[in-house]
Protein backbone atom coordinates (compact mmCIF):
# COMPACT_ATOMS: atom_id res chain seq x y z
CA UNK A 1 -8.01 14.32 1.71
CA UNK A 2 -9.78 13.32 -1.73
CA UNK A 3 -6.82 13.24 -4.19
CA UNK A 4 -8.03 11.80 -7.54
CA UNK A 5 -9.17 9.14 -9.52
CA UNK A 6 -7.25 8.02 -12.26
CA UNK A 7 -5.91 5.34 -14.37
CA UNK A 8 -2.78 3.18 -12.56
CA UNK A 9 -0.44 2.02 -15.26
CA UNK A 10 0.93 -1.56 -14.63
CA UNK A 11 3.58 -1.34 -11.87
CA UNK A 12 6.27 -4.26 -11.11
CA UNK A 13 7.21 -4.12 -7.62
CA UNK A 14 10.03 -6.02 -5.47
CA UNK A 15 10.40 -6.70 -1.29
CA UNK A 16 8.77 -8.74 1.06
CA UNK A 17 5.64 -10.00 2.55
CA UNK A 18 3.92 -11.58 4.88
CA UNK A 19 0.36 -12.56 5.82
CA UNK A 20 -0.85 -10.82 8.67
CA UNK A 21 -4.46 -8.74 10.60
CA UNK A 22 -5.30 -5.47 12.54
CA UNK A 23 -5.05 -7.46 15.89
CA UNK A 24 -1.16 -9.44 15.21
CA UNK A 25 0.32 -6.76 12.71
CA UNK A 26 3.83 -7.95 11.75
CA UNK A 27 4.01 -4.86 9.38
CA UNK A 28 7.24 -3.94 11.49
CA UNK A 29 9.00 -7.23 10.26
CA UNK A 30 8.68 -6.59 6.29
CA UNK A 31 9.98 -2.94 7.02
CA UNK A 32 13.03 -4.08 8.83
CA UNK A 33 13.35 -6.49 5.89
CA UNK A 34 13.52 -4.51 3.48
CA UNK A 35 14.91 -1.18 4.28
CA UNK A 36 18.70 -2.08 4.87
CA UNK A 37 18.31 -3.81 1.91
CA UNK A 38 17.39 -0.82 -0.21
CA UNK A 39 20.92 -0.53 -1.47
CA UNK A 40 20.52 -3.48 -3.42
CA UNK A 41 17.70 -2.58 -5.35
CA UNK A 42 20.23 -1.36 -8.63
CA UNK A 43 17.02 -0.72 -10.85
CA UNK A 44 14.60 1.61 -9.18
CA UNK A 45 12.31 3.09 -10.48
CA UNK A 46 12.74 5.81 -7.95
CA UNK A 47 12.94 6.15 -4.07
CA UNK A 48 9.58 5.39 -3.43
CA UNK A 49 8.13 3.25 -1.03
CA UNK A 50 5.14 0.55 -1.58
CA UNK A 51 3.29 -0.73 1.08
CA UNK A 52 0.51 -3.66 -0.70
CA UNK A 53 -2.60 -4.68 0.92
CA UNK A 54 -4.37 -7.93 -0.54
CA UNK A 55 -7.32 -8.94 0.51
CA UNK A 56 -9.44 -11.93 -0.13
CA UNK A 57 -12.52 -11.45 -2.12
CA UNK A 58 -14.95 -11.84 1.13
CA UNK A 59 -12.47 -9.43 2.82
CA UNK A 60 -14.78 -7.05 3.22
CA UNK A 61 -18.24 -8.28 3.92
CA UNK A 62 -16.61 -9.28 7.25
CA UNK A 63 -13.82 -7.31 8.02
CA UNK A 64 -12.78 -7.52 11.76
CA UNK A 65 -9.82 -7.16 13.64
CA UNK A 66 -8.97 -10.00 13.01
CA UNK A 67 -9.17 -11.14 9.26
CA UNK A 68 -6.21 -11.72 7.72
CA UNK A 69 -4.13 -9.62 5.11
CA UNK A 70 -0.93 -10.46 2.90
CA UNK A 71 1.05 -7.01 3.61
CA UNK A 72 4.34 -5.89 1.46
CA UNK A 73 6.49 -3.90 1.73
CA UNK A 74 7.97 -3.20 -2.02
CA UNK A 75 9.90 -1.03 -4.54
CA UNK A 76 9.58 -0.33 -7.65
CA UNK A 77 11.96 -1.37 -10.47
CA UNK A 78 12.22 -0.81 -13.82
CA UNK A 79 12.38 -4.29 -14.78
CA UNK A 80 12.70 -8.10 -12.80
CA UNK A 81 16.52 -8.44 -14.25
CA UNK A 82 18.24 -7.59 -11.08
CA UNK A 83 16.08 -9.19 -8.16
CA UNK A 84 18.12 -9.57 -4.89
CA UNK A 85 18.65 -12.84 -3.18
CA UNK A 86 15.44 -12.97 -1.10
CA UNK A 87 13.24 -10.76 -2.62
CA UNK A 88 9.87 -11.39 -3.73
CA UNK A 89 8.57 -9.94 -7.01
CA UNK A 90 4.62 -8.39 -7.36
CA UNK A 91 2.69 -6.54 -10.02
CA UNK A 92 0.06 -4.28 -9.59
CA UNK A 93 -1.91 -3.98 -12.76
CA UNK A 94 -3.35 -1.22 -14.38
CA UNK A 95 -6.87 -0.03 -13.17
CA UNK A 96 -8.84 2.44 -12.33
CA UNK A 97 -7.82 3.83 -8.41
CA UNK A 98 -9.06 6.66 -5.85
CA UNK A 99 -6.25 8.74 -4.42
CA UNK A 100 -5.63 10.10 -0.88
CA UNK A 101 -3.64 11.85 1.35
CA UNK A 102 -2.68 10.93 4.22
CA UNK A 103 -0.77 13.34 6.67
CA UNK A 104 -0.24 12.66 10.32
CA UNK A 105 0.92 9.88 12.42
CA UNK A 106 0.23 5.89 11.75
CA UNK A 107 -2.11 6.29 14.97
CA UNK A 108 -4.05 8.94 13.01
CA UNK A 109 -4.83 6.14 10.03
CA UNK A 110 -7.44 5.01 10.78
CA UNK A 111 -9.30 8.51 10.71
CA UNK A 112 -8.25 8.32 6.94
CA UNK A 113 -9.64 4.86 6.43
CA UNK A 114 -13.02 5.33 8.07
CA UNK A 115 -13.00 8.54 5.20
CA UNK A 116 -12.79 6.48 2.52
CA UNK A 117 -14.86 3.44 3.03
CA UNK A 118 -17.03 4.73 5.79
CA UNK A 119 -17.86 8.35 3.97
CA UNK A 120 -16.37 8.88 0.87
CA UNK A 121 -16.81 5.13 -1.09
CA UNK A 122 -20.46 4.53 0.14
CA UNK A 123 -21.04 7.93 -1.09
CA UNK A 124 -19.25 8.24 -4.55
CA UNK A 125 -20.90 6.24 -7.99
CA UNK A 126 -18.09 3.48 -7.27
CA UNK A 127 -17.52 0.23 -6.03
CA UNK A 128 -14.41 -1.22 -4.90
CA UNK A 129 -12.91 -3.41 -7.13
CA UNK A 130 -11.14 -6.57 -5.96
CA UNK A 131 -7.57 -6.04 -6.61
CA UNK A 132 -4.17 -4.63 -4.33
CA UNK A 133 -5.15 -1.88 -2.06
CA UNK A 134 -1.85 0.20 -1.76
CA UNK A 135 0.06 3.46 -0.03
CA UNK A 136 2.95 5.24 -1.83
CA UNK A 137 5.49 6.75 0.72
CA UNK A 138 7.48 9.68 -1.13
CA UNK A 139 9.42 12.36 -1.01
CA UNK A 140 6.89 13.94 1.80
CA UNK A 141 6.71 10.95 4.17
CA UNK A 142 9.29 11.12 7.02
CA UNK A 143 8.35 8.07 9.18
CA UNK A 144 5.45 6.63 10.71
CA UNK A 145 5.91 9.17 13.61
CA UNK A 146 6.41 12.11 12.66
CA UNK A 147 2.74 14.42 12.26
CA UNK A 148 4.25 16.02 8.67
CA UNK A 149 4.52 12.47 6.77
CA UNK A 150 2.12 12.61 4.08
CA UNK A 151 1.43 9.29 2.19
CA UNK A 152 -1.01 8.47 -1.01
CA UNK A 153 -3.61 5.92 -0.37
CA UNK A 154 -4.69 4.07 -3.66
CA UNK A 155 -7.52 1.77 -2.95
CA UNK A 156 -9.15 0.03 -6.19
CA UNK A 157 -12.56 0.86 -8.03
CA UNK A 158 -14.77 -0.09 -10.38
């Protein structure tokens, strides 16, 4: 499940966002906005999709299923020269991240998060940083209900 610690370089992304919570998950809305419009993105770095979460600085002190955060459905671009109508820009600044591999359906995703936040992080030498968290869905991502799907999970660390 644990992949590596690495320095992520700055990533320029475009797509859609929504304010959501685990209890009132609006994630499908932004993916339904992005997916049919992917062909409009003319300067994509590759075919990878990015699911990004931005949490308030105090979110993890009192995190519940009703804690709100901003969720993004994005694609990485070479530059911001060709942004389709209604797309927003988002930048992940360079920094140190811990990477993990989630394999399975979205229903099992909580197990990966439990491992990261209840086992790995507390037993590591690292602290959680207040920067975006993100997942990368690349060539081995076959859909959120496919048990063979793989996605990389990246959490910001100090």
